[in-house]
């Protein structure tokens, strides 16, 4: 599957916390990453984002959950259902 295009928009990175981070961690966990669902974008979450990007969106691997990363993850999860 082609990744969603890289563009500007909301993104999440290490140090942030809250419900959107919890949702991101839940999606990573559902897809099979060992992401702990804490609501804190910590080093482990960043490493899981890097691993995801390296595999599914290798043109930009930075550990930041941008719209392309989140949309690609969401599409992959939708394809599993």
N, C-alpha and C. Protein backbone atom coordinates (compact mmCIF):
# COMPACT_ATOMS: atom_id res chain seq x y z
N UNK A 1 0.85 -1.18 0.00
CA UNK A 1 0.00 0.00 0.00
C UNK A 1 0.89 1.24 0.00
N UNK A 2 0.49 2.21 -0.78
CA UNK A 2 1.21 3.48 -0.82
C UNK A 2 0.92 4.28 0.46
N UNK A 3 1.93 4.92 1.04
CA UNK A 3 1.68 5.74 2.22
C UNK A 3 0.91 7.01 1.83
N UNK A 4 0.22 7.58 2.79
CA UNK A 4 -0.44 8.86 2.55
C UNK A 4 0.63 9.90 2.26
N UNK A 5 0.33 10.88 1.41
CA UNK A 5 1.34 11.89 1.06
C UNK A 5 1.76 12.72 2.28
N UNK A 6 3.00 13.15 2.25
CA UNK A 6 3.53 14.02 3.31
C UNK A 6 3.06 15.43 3.02
N UNK A 7 2.45 16.06 4.02
CA UNK A 7 1.98 17.44 3.87
C UNK A 7 1.94 18.07 5.25
N UNK A 8 1.67 19.34 5.27
CA UNK A 8 1.62 20.03 6.56
C UNK A 8 0.33 19.66 7.29
N UNK A 9 0.27 20.00 8.54
CA UNK A 9 -0.90 19.68 9.35
C UNK A 9 -0.48 19.32 10.76
N UNK A 10 -1.41 18.93 11.57
CA UNK A 10 -1.17 18.59 12.96
C UNK A 10 -0.25 17.38 13.04
N UNK A 11 0.63 17.40 14.03
CA UNK A 11 1.51 16.27 14.26
C UNK A 11 1.75 16.13 15.75
N UNK A 12 2.25 14.96 16.15
CA UNK A 12 2.54 14.68 17.55
C UNK A 12 3.99 14.23 17.66
N UNK A 13 4.62 14.63 18.75
CA UNK A 13 6.03 14.26 18.95
C UNK A 13 6.32 14.04 20.42
N UNK A 14 7.54 13.55 20.68
CA UNK A 14 7.92 13.22 22.05
C UNK A 14 7.70 14.41 22.98
N UNK A 15 7.17 14.12 24.16
CA UNK A 15 6.92 15.15 25.16
C UNK A 15 5.46 15.53 25.27
N UNK A 16 4.67 15.21 24.24
CA UNK A 16 3.25 15.54 24.28
C UNK A 16 2.49 14.45 25.02
N UNK A 17 1.30 14.80 25.48
CA UNK A 17 0.48 13.82 26.18
C UNK A 17 -0.99 14.16 25.98
N UNK A 18 -1.83 13.20 26.32
CA UNK A 18 -3.27 13.41 26.24
C UNK A 18 -3.96 12.32 25.45
N UNK A 19 -5.26 12.52 25.25
CA UNK A 19 -6.10 11.53 24.57
C UNK A 19 -5.63 11.24 23.15
N UNK A 20 -5.22 12.25 22.34
CA UNK A 20 -4.76 11.93 20.98
C UNK A 20 -3.53 11.01 20.98
N UNK A 21 -2.66 11.15 21.96
CA UNK A 21 -1.48 10.29 22.05
C UNK A 21 -1.91 8.88 22.43
N UNK A 22 -2.87 8.79 23.34
CA UNK A 22 -3.41 7.49 23.74
C UNK A 22 -4.02 6.78 22.53
N UNK A 23 -4.75 7.52 21.70
CA UNK A 23 -5.35 6.94 20.49
C UNK A 23 -4.27 6.46 19.53
N UNK A 24 -3.23 7.26 19.36
CA UNK A 24 -2.11 6.87 18.49
C UNK A 24 -1.44 5.59 19.01
N UNK A 25 -1.19 5.55 20.30
CA UNK A 25 -0.57 4.37 20.90
C UNK A 25 -1.48 3.14 20.74
N UNK A 26 -2.78 3.34 20.86
CA UNK A 26 -3.73 2.23 20.69
C UNK A 26 -3.66 1.69 19.27
N UNK A 27 -3.57 2.58 18.28
CA UNK A 27 -3.49 2.14 16.88
C UNK A 27 -2.20 1.37 16.65
N UNK A 28 -1.08 1.87 17.17
CA UNK A 28 0.20 1.15 17.02
C UNK A 28 0.11 -0.23 17.66
N UNK A 29 -0.48 -0.30 18.85
CA UNK A 29 -0.63 -1.56 19.57
C UNK A 29 -1.51 -2.53 18.79
N UNK A 30 -2.63 -2.03 18.26
CA UNK A 30 -3.54 -2.88 17.49
C UNK A 30 -2.85 -3.43 16.24
N UNK A 31 -1.92 -2.67 15.68
CA UNK A 31 -1.25 -3.13 14.47
C UNK A 31 -0.13 -4.12 14.78
N UNK A 32 0.22 -4.25 16.06
CA UNK A 32 1.19 -5.27 16.43
C UNK A 32 2.48 -4.76 17.04
N UNK A 33 2.58 -3.45 17.18
CA UNK A 33 3.75 -2.91 17.86
C UNK A 33 3.51 -3.09 19.36
N UNK A 34 4.56 -3.19 20.13
CA UNK A 34 4.41 -3.40 21.57
C UNK A 34 4.22 -2.11 22.34
N UNK A 35 3.60 -1.14 21.72
CA UNK A 35 3.43 0.18 22.32
C UNK A 35 2.56 0.12 23.56
N UNK A 36 3.08 0.65 24.65
CA UNK A 36 2.30 0.74 25.89
C UNK A 36 1.38 1.96 25.78
N UNK A 37 0.12 1.79 26.15
CA UNK A 37 -0.87 2.86 26.04
C UNK A 37 -0.88 3.65 27.35
N UNK A 38 -0.14 4.76 27.35
CA UNK A 38 0.01 5.58 28.54
C UNK A 38 -0.55 6.99 28.37
N UNK A 39 -0.70 7.42 27.12
CA UNK A 39 -1.12 8.80 26.87
C UNK A 39 0.05 9.76 26.83
N UNK A 40 1.27 9.26 27.03
CA UNK A 40 2.48 10.09 26.98
C UNK A 40 3.32 9.67 25.79
N UNK A 41 3.67 10.61 24.93
CA UNK A 41 4.53 10.33 23.77
C UNK A 41 5.96 10.28 24.30
N UNK A 42 6.36 9.08 24.71
CA UNK A 42 7.66 8.88 25.33
C UNK A 42 8.65 8.30 24.31
N UNK A 43 9.81 7.93 24.80
CA UNK A 43 10.85 7.40 23.91
C UNK A 43 10.39 6.12 23.21
N UNK A 44 9.69 5.24 23.92
CA UNK A 44 9.21 3.99 23.32
C UNK A 44 8.25 4.27 22.18
N UNK A 45 7.32 5.22 22.39
CA UNK A 45 6.37 5.57 21.34
C UNK A 45 7.12 6.13 20.14
N UNK A 46 8.10 6.98 20.39
CA UNK A 46 8.90 7.55 19.31
C UNK A 46 9.62 6.45 18.52
N UNK A 47 10.19 5.47 19.23
CA UNK A 47 10.88 4.37 18.56
C UNK A 47 9.91 3.52 17.72
N UNK A 48 8.69 3.33 18.21
CA UNK A 48 7.70 2.59 17.45
C UNK A 48 7.27 3.36 16.21
N UNK A 49 7.15 4.67 16.32
CA UNK A 49 6.83 5.51 15.15
C UNK A 49 7.96 5.42 14.13
N UNK A 50 9.20 5.47 14.60
CA UNK A 50 10.36 5.35 13.70
C UNK A 50 10.33 4.00 12.97
N UNK A 51 10.06 2.93 13.70
CA UNK A 51 9.99 1.60 13.09
C UNK A 51 8.86 1.54 12.05
N UNK A 52 7.72 2.11 12.39
CA UNK A 52 6.59 2.14 11.46
C UNK A 52 6.95 2.93 10.20
N UNK A 53 7.54 4.11 10.40
CA UNK A 53 7.91 4.94 9.25
C UNK A 53 8.96 4.23 8.39
N UNK A 54 9.93 3.62 9.01
CA UNK A 54 10.98 2.92 8.27
C UNK A 54 10.37 1.85 7.35
N UNK A 55 9.33 1.20 7.83
CA UNK A 55 8.71 0.12 7.06
C UNK A 55 7.68 0.62 6.04
N UNK A 56 6.83 1.55 6.46
CA UNK A 56 5.70 1.95 5.62
C UNK A 56 5.83 3.32 4.96
N UNK A 57 6.74 4.16 5.45
CA UNK A 57 6.88 5.51 4.89
C UNK A 57 8.34 5.92 4.94
N UNK A 58 9.21 5.19 4.24
CA UNK A 58 10.66 5.37 4.38
C UNK A 58 11.20 6.69 3.83
N UNK A 59 10.40 7.44 3.07
CA UNK A 59 10.93 8.70 2.54
C UNK A 59 11.12 9.78 3.60
N UNK A 60 10.52 9.60 4.79
CA UNK A 60 10.74 10.55 5.89
C UNK A 60 10.59 9.79 7.21
N UNK A 61 11.73 9.47 7.82
CA UNK A 61 11.75 8.74 9.08
C UNK A 61 12.30 9.68 10.14
N UNK A 62 11.40 10.21 10.98
CA UNK A 62 11.82 11.21 11.97
C UNK A 62 11.22 11.00 13.35
N UNK A 63 10.37 9.99 13.52
CA UNK A 63 9.77 9.73 14.83
C UNK A 63 8.65 10.67 15.21
N UNK A 64 8.27 11.54 14.28
CA UNK A 64 7.16 12.47 14.52
C UNK A 64 5.92 11.90 13.85
N UNK A 65 4.84 11.79 14.60
CA UNK A 65 3.60 11.25 14.06
C UNK A 65 2.85 12.36 13.33
N UNK A 66 3.22 12.56 12.05
CA UNK A 66 2.55 13.56 11.24
C UNK A 66 1.30 12.95 10.60
N UNK A 67 0.57 13.76 9.83
CA UNK A 67 -0.68 13.29 9.24
C UNK A 67 -0.45 12.10 8.31
N UNK A 68 0.63 12.10 7.56
CA UNK A 68 0.93 10.98 6.67
C UNK A 68 1.10 9.69 7.45
N UNK A 69 1.84 9.75 8.55
CA UNK A 69 2.06 8.57 9.39
C UNK A 69 0.74 8.07 9.97
N UNK A 70 -0.04 8.97 10.55
CA UNK A 70 -1.30 8.59 11.20
C UNK A 70 -2.30 8.05 10.19
N UNK A 71 -2.42 8.72 9.03
CA UNK A 71 -3.37 8.26 8.01
C UNK A 71 -2.95 6.89 7.45
N UNK A 72 -1.66 6.69 7.24
CA UNK A 72 -1.18 5.41 6.73
C UNK A 72 -1.48 4.30 7.73
N UNK A 73 -1.22 4.55 9.01
CA UNK A 73 -1.51 3.58 10.06
C UNK A 73 -3.00 3.28 10.10
N UNK A 74 -3.82 4.31 10.02
CA UNK A 74 -5.28 4.13 10.06
C UNK A 74 -5.76 3.29 8.87
N UNK A 75 -5.23 3.56 7.68
CA UNK A 75 -5.62 2.79 6.49
C UNK A 75 -5.21 1.32 6.62
N UNK A 76 -4.02 1.08 7.18
CA UNK A 76 -3.57 -0.30 7.37
C UNK A 76 -4.48 -1.04 8.35
N UNK A 77 -4.86 -0.36 9.44
CA UNK A 77 -5.77 -0.98 10.40
C UNK A 77 -7.13 -1.25 9.78
N UNK A 78 -7.63 -0.32 8.98
CA UNK A 78 -8.93 -0.50 8.31
C UNK A 78 -8.90 -1.70 7.38
N UNK A 79 -7.76 -1.93 6.74
CA UNK A 79 -7.64 -3.05 5.80
C UNK A 79 -7.66 -4.39 6.54
N UNK A 80 -7.35 -4.38 7.83
CA UNK A 80 -7.35 -5.61 8.62
C UNK A 80 -8.76 -6.06 9.00
N UNK A 81 -9.70 -5.11 9.05
CA UNK A 81 -11.05 -5.46 9.51
C UNK A 81 -11.87 -6.18 8.48
